[in-house]
Protein backbone atom coordinates (compact mmCIF):
# COMPACT_ATOMS: atom_id res chain seq x y z
CA MET A 1 -11.00 7.39 -22.68
CA ASN A 2 -14.13 7.43 -21.09
CA LEU A 3 -12.82 8.65 -17.66
CA ASN A 4 -15.57 7.72 -15.75
CA GLN A 5 -15.30 4.38 -17.53
CA LEU A 6 -11.98 4.58 -15.29
CA ARG A 7 -12.51 5.86 -12.37
CA ALA A 8 -15.34 2.49 -12.08
CA PHE A 9 -13.13 0.37 -12.74
CA HIS A 10 -10.85 1.67 -10.04
CA LYS A 11 -13.18 1.87 -7.92
CA VAL A 12 -14.04 -1.62 -8.00
CA ALA A 13 -11.11 -2.81 -7.78
CA GLU A 14 -10.42 -0.45 -4.60
CA CYS A 15 -12.94 -2.01 -2.92
CA GLY A 16 -12.72 -5.65 -4.26
CA SER A 17 -16.87 -5.16 -5.29
CA PHE A 18 -19.60 -3.74 -6.40
CA THR A 19 -21.63 -3.05 -3.75
CA ALA A 20 -18.70 -1.11 -2.15
CA ALA A 21 -17.63 0.26 -4.60
CA ALA A 22 -21.67 2.18 -5.59
CA VAL A 23 -21.56 3.10 -2.09
CA ALA A 24 -18.40 4.88 -2.09
CA MET A 25 -19.16 6.46 -5.15
CA ARG A 26 -22.81 7.10 -3.56
CA VAL A 27 -24.31 6.37 -7.20
CA THR A 28 -26.37 2.89 -7.97
CA GLN A 29 -25.10 -0.46 -8.26
CA PRO A 30 -26.14 -1.04 -12.39
CA ALA A 31 -24.67 2.62 -13.00
CA LEU A 32 -20.84 1.10 -11.94
CA THR A 33 -22.13 -1.95 -13.66
CA ASN A 34 -22.86 -0.77 -16.61
CA GLN A 35 -19.71 1.95 -16.92
CA ILE A 36 -17.68 -2.21 -16.20
CA LYS A 37 -19.58 -3.31 -18.78
CA GLY A 38 -18.25 -0.15 -21.70
CA LEU A 39 -14.75 -0.44 -19.85
CA GLU A 40 -14.22 -3.90 -21.17
CA GLY A 41 -16.38 -3.91 -24.75
CA HIS A 42 -14.53 -0.69 -26.15
CA TYR A 43 -11.58 -2.62 -25.80
CA ASP A 44 -12.75 -6.00 -26.13
CA VAL A 45 -11.18 -7.32 -22.95
CA GLU A 46 -12.28 -8.77 -19.24
CA LEU A 47 -11.07 -6.23 -16.17
CA PHE A 48 -12.32 -9.54 -13.42
CA TYR A 49 -13.48 -12.72 -12.99
CA ARG A 50 -16.79 -12.38 -11.49
CA LYS A 51 -17.59 -15.00 -9.06
CA ALA A 52 -20.56 -16.12 -7.40
CA ARG A 53 -20.26 -14.17 -4.50
CA SER A 54 -16.34 -12.11 -5.25
CA ILE A 55 -14.79 -11.11 -7.80
CA GLU A 56 -10.41 -11.46 -9.09
CA LEU A 57 -9.41 -9.24 -10.58
CA THR A 58 -8.13 -10.72 -14.23
CA PRO A 59 -3.82 -10.40 -15.08
CA THR A 60 -5.16 -7.46 -17.54
CA GLY A 61 -6.69 -6.26 -14.96
CA ARG A 62 -4.76 -6.50 -12.27
CA THR A 63 -1.47 -4.46 -14.65
CA LEU A 64 -4.53 -2.00 -15.65
CA PHE A 65 -5.02 -1.65 -11.70
CA GLU A 66 -1.83 -0.60 -10.40
CA ILE A 67 -1.77 2.13 -13.63
CA THR A 68 -4.93 3.52 -11.75
CA GLU A 69 -3.60 3.61 -8.64
CA GLU A 70 -0.95 5.71 -10.03
CA LEU A 71 -2.85 7.93 -11.91
CA PHE A 72 -5.66 8.64 -9.39
CA GLY A 73 -3.35 9.01 -6.65
CA MET A 74 -1.54 11.70 -8.02
CA VAL A 75 -5.07 13.47 -8.38
CA ASP A 76 -4.91 13.42 -5.52
CA LYS A 77 -2.25 14.33 -4.86
CA ALA A 78 -3.00 17.76 -6.89
CA GLU A 79 -5.77 18.49 -5.24
CA GLY A 80 -3.75 18.18 -1.44
CA VAL A 81 -1.16 21.02 -3.43
CA LEU A 82 -4.14 23.19 -4.32
CA THR A 83 -6.18 22.76 -1.97
CA GLN A 84 -3.14 23.65 0.55
CA SER A 85 -2.53 26.58 -1.56
CA SER A 86 -5.50 28.12 -1.09
CA LYS A 87 -7.71 27.89 3.10
CA ALA A 88 -5.69 26.46 6.31
CA LEU A 89 -6.80 22.11 5.90
CA SER A 90 -9.97 21.83 7.14
CA GLY A 91 -12.44 19.18 7.14
CA VAL A 92 -13.70 16.19 8.61
CA LEU A 93 -11.09 13.03 9.20
CA ARG A 94 -12.34 9.87 10.18
CA ILE A 95 -9.60 7.65 12.91
CA GLY A 96 -9.91 4.08 12.67
CA ALA A 97 -8.52 2.47 16.23
CA ASP A 98 -7.97 -0.64 17.91
CA SER A 99 -7.30 1.09 20.61
CA PRO A 100 -7.27 4.54 22.74
CA TYR A 101 -3.86 3.97 23.81
CA GLN A 102 -1.12 4.66 21.52
CA LEU A 103 -3.96 7.35 19.36
CA VAL A 104 -3.78 9.25 22.45
CA SER A 105 -0.76 11.36 21.66
CA LEU A 106 -0.99 11.36 18.17
CA LEU A 107 -3.66 13.50 18.44
CA GLU A 108 -2.42 15.81 20.25
CA GLN A 109 -0.26 16.58 17.81
CA PHE A 110 -2.37 16.48 15.26
CA GLN A 111 -4.74 18.90 17.01
CA GLY A 112 -2.25 21.04 17.62
CA LYS A 113 -1.35 21.60 14.45
CA TYR A 114 -4.18 21.51 12.62
CA PRO A 115 -7.19 22.87 14.64
CA ASN A 116 -9.22 23.50 11.90
CA ILE A 117 -9.40 19.56 11.80
CA ARG A 118 -12.36 17.51 13.16
CA ILE A 119 -11.73 14.13 13.75
CA GLU A 120 -14.29 11.91 14.60
CA VAL A 121 -12.99 8.34 16.22
CA SER A 122 -14.41 4.54 15.45
CA PHE A 123 -13.04 1.28 17.44
CA GLY A 124 -12.66 -2.12 17.12
CA ASN A 125 -10.36 -5.04 16.93
CA SER A 126 -7.32 -5.55 14.37
CA GLN A 127 -9.43 -6.59 11.58
CA GLU A 128 -12.78 -3.96 11.84
CA THR A 129 -10.22 -1.88 12.15
CA ALA A 130 -8.87 -2.94 8.47
CA THR A 131 -12.53 -3.49 6.66
CA SER A 132 -13.92 0.23 7.39
CA LEU A 133 -10.49 0.96 5.62
CA ARG A 134 -11.70 -0.81 2.63
CA GLN A 135 -15.11 0.24 3.11
CA PHE A 136 -13.93 4.28 3.23
CA LYS A 137 -16.07 4.42 7.07
CA ALA A 138 -12.11 5.65 7.99
CA ASP A 139 -9.60 7.83 5.99
CA VAL A 140 -6.70 6.63 8.51
CA ALA A 141 -6.67 4.13 10.92
CA VAL A 142 -3.99 3.54 13.68
CA MET A 143 -4.20 -0.40 14.25
CA SER A 144 -1.66 -3.68 15.04
CA GLN A 145 0.37 -5.70 13.06
CA LEU A 146 -1.58 -6.71 9.76
CA ALA A 147 -2.08 -9.28 7.29
CA GLU A 148 -0.22 -8.76 4.29
CA ASP A 149 -2.30 -6.76 2.12
CA THR A 150 -1.46 -4.62 -1.61
CA GLN A 151 -4.66 -2.31 -0.69
CA PHE A 152 -2.49 -0.56 2.28
CA HIS A 153 0.03 2.09 3.04
CA SER A 154 1.52 1.20 6.36
CA ILE A 155 3.90 3.34 8.51
CA HIS A 156 5.38 1.18 11.51
CA ASN A 157 4.28 3.24 14.74
CA HIS A 158 5.42 1.38 18.10
CA ARG A 159 6.68 -1.97 19.07
CA HIS A 160 3.90 -3.13 22.49
CA SER A 161 5.45 -6.20 24.89
CA LEU A 162 2.09 -8.57 26.23
CA VAL A 163 2.02 -9.36 29.70
CA ALA A 164 -0.29 -10.64 32.05
CA ILE A 165 -3.32 -8.87 34.28
CA VAL A 166 -4.53 -11.32 37.03
CA ASN A 167 -7.03 -9.28 40.02
CA ARG A 168 -5.20 -8.44 43.25
CA ASP A 169 -6.48 -12.14 44.88
CA HIS A 170 -5.17 -14.80 42.06
CA PRO A 171 -2.93 -16.74 43.76
CA TRP A 172 0.06 -14.92 41.08
CA GLY A 173 -0.51 -12.07 42.58
CA ASN A 174 2.05 -10.82 44.94
CA ARG A 175 4.71 -12.33 41.64
CA LYS A 176 6.61 -10.17 39.05
CA SER A 177 6.37 -11.90 36.57
CA MET A 178 5.37 -16.22 35.24
CA THR A 179 7.11 -17.92 32.69
CA LEU A 180 5.27 -18.75 29.75
CA LYS A 181 4.87 -23.38 30.65
CA LYS A 182 2.66 -21.77 33.50
CA PHE A 183 -0.20 -21.21 31.50
CA HIS A 184 -0.78 -24.30 30.59
CA GLY A 185 -4.25 -25.27 32.50
CA GLU A 186 -4.92 -22.01 34.30
CA LYS A 187 -8.04 -20.52 33.23
CA LEU A 188 -7.90 -17.79 30.64
CA ILE A 189 -9.47 -14.77 28.91
CA ARG A 190 -9.50 -14.51 25.35
CA ARG A 191 -10.49 -12.21 22.74
CA GLU A 192 -12.55 -12.26 20.36
CA VAL A 193 -11.28 -13.57 17.01
CA GLY A 194 -9.08 -10.37 14.98
CA SER A 195 -7.37 -9.87 17.73
CA ASN A 196 -3.84 -8.83 16.90
CA THR A 197 -3.00 -9.31 21.14
CA GLN A 198 -5.20 -13.31 21.23
CA PHE A 199 -3.16 -13.99 17.98
CA ALA A 200 0.11 -13.12 19.46
CA PHE A 201 -0.15 -15.07 22.30
CA ASP A 202 -1.86 -18.03 20.58
CA ALA A 203 1.42 -18.22 18.48
CA ALA A 204 3.52 -18.28 21.51
CA CYS A 205 1.78 -20.75 23.51
CA SER A 206 1.72 -23.36 19.93
CA ALA A 207 5.19 -22.95 19.53
CA ALA A 208 5.95 -23.81 23.84
CA GLU A 209 2.97 -26.93 23.99
CA VAL A 210 1.08 -24.99 25.72
CA GLU A 211 -2.59 -25.22 26.87
CA PRO A 212 -4.38 -22.51 28.77
CA ASN A 213 -8.39 -23.12 29.12
CA TYR A 214 -10.38 -20.97 28.50
CA VAL A 215 -12.95 -19.93 30.10
CA VAL A 216 -15.28 -17.21 28.30
CA GLU A 217 -14.28 -14.92 26.04
CA MET A 218 -14.67 -10.76 25.27
CA GLY A 219 -15.30 -9.08 22.69
CA SER A 220 -12.95 -5.94 23.67
CA ARG A 221 -10.25 -5.19 26.44
CA GLU A 222 -12.19 -3.42 28.15
CA ALA A 223 -14.88 -6.58 29.31
CA LEU A 224 -11.81 -8.86 29.41
CA ARG A 225 -10.64 -6.21 31.96
CA GLU A 226 -13.55 -5.84 33.90
CA ALA A 227 -13.21 -10.58 33.88
CA VAL A 228 -10.19 -9.97 35.04
CA ALA A 229 -11.01 -7.80 37.98
CA ALA A 230 -14.20 -9.93 38.77
CA GLY A 231 -11.33 -13.18 39.51
CA ILE A 232 -12.88 -15.19 36.36
CA GLY A 233 -9.19 -15.40 34.72
CA ILE A 234 -6.30 -14.41 33.13
CA GLY A 235 -5.70 -12.12 30.89
CA ILE A 236 -3.17 -10.69 27.99
CA ILE A 237 -3.02 -7.64 27.17
CA PRO A 238 -0.23 -4.77 25.56
CA GLN A 239 2.23 -3.24 28.69
CA SER A 240 0.77 -0.18 27.35
CA GLU A 241 -2.75 -0.55 28.20
CA LEU A 242 -2.23 -1.17 31.48
CA GLY A 243 -3.09 1.76 32.84
CA ASN A 244 -4.21 2.80 37.22
CA ASP A 245 -6.38 0.13 38.00
CA SER A 246 -5.44 -0.95 41.38
CA ARG A 247 -7.64 -4.06 41.30
CA LEU A 248 -5.20 -5.65 38.63
CA VAL A 249 -2.14 -6.56 38.87
CA SER A 250 1.17 -7.30 36.12
CA LEU A 251 2.98 -10.33 35.88
CA ALA A 252 5.57 -9.69 32.83
CA ILE A 253 5.50 -13.55 30.11
CA ARG A 254 8.99 -14.91 30.53
CA GLY A 255 10.19 -16.96 28.15
CA ALA A 256 8.80 -16.17 24.69
CA GLU A 257 8.85 -13.28 22.24
CA LEU A 258 5.35 -11.81 23.04
CA THR A 259 5.09 -8.71 21.11
CA VAL A 260 2.71 -6.60 18.60
CA ASP A 261 3.63 -3.67 16.43
CA ASP A 262 1.27 -1.10 15.37
CA TYR A 263 0.78 0.98 12.47
CA ILE A 264 -0.67 3.95 10.99
CA VAL A 265 -3.06 2.19 7.73
CA CYS A 266 -4.99 3.86 5.16
CA LEU A 267 -5.35 3.00 1.57
CA LYS A 268 -2.53 3.38 -0.41
CA ALA A 269 -4.62 4.84 -3.57
CA ARG A 270 -4.63 7.61 -0.67
CA LYS A 271 -2.32 8.15 1.12
CA ASN A 272 -1.96 11.17 -1.13
CA ALA A 273 -4.96 12.38 0.08
CA PRO A 274 -4.90 16.41 2.00
CA LEU A 275 -6.26 15.00 5.56
CA ILE A 276 -4.64 11.49 5.15
CA GLY A 277 -0.97 12.64 4.15
CA ALA A 278 -1.36 15.84 6.74
CA PHE A 279 -1.83 12.66 9.41
CA LEU A 280 0.59 10.60 7.69
CA GLU A 281 4.06 13.54 8.53
CA LEU A 282 2.92 12.83 11.87
CA LEU A 283 6.13 10.43 11.90
CA ASP A 284 8.34 11.99 9.95
């Protein structure tokens, strides 16, 4: 069996496309395609359904991918044992996150334990962060709840309640809480598609037959806070992100179970890589 062909198959199945796999392996796409064709031709099998804009594993391909996940996962684990035995962990760990608030304490713990590892952090919403993992632009991520994905290995980190924030001059500025029903018709600021905070609030509103009046959509938490401070409308954020902004007042939301979870996430096939494994150990 040609292990180079097998690794090429594994990377394409892991990335979900020939283009992303070629980038991850630092080879040309034609070279990678030839590796897959060689493997399929040698065993007279079809491993992928090739569609116009995507690929899908065949039943044989899915079975083989389960085997290669275990195989190359063990290779990463073996490399980790050898690396840790030869020298202290070092290198660069790329962390994706959909919020800085959940990340800070983890970074403090990690740097205290592994001072020789340099950390690079990038931010985006949950959807963007998941894409960064799949495209190998991030090694590990701290992110809100995400849809079921067999590519990912995830560990629960925290659960956060959602609160409303208003400008101090808002009619609700002297309130401590508000029922969800009261948000019907009120001017709210919407987060972008892919925001799990927005998804959770939309689900609660739908269940309660509440229809807010969304006046503007903001692409980041920071932009949302500034819009609320300017009096444009009401914002919805996790309580952990309140901070100490004197321009804003927070209100608990009564009448609905409004929470979001955050997780530590990596590609399942990479969970035993040395730096990623060290980060995951923070939650043991």
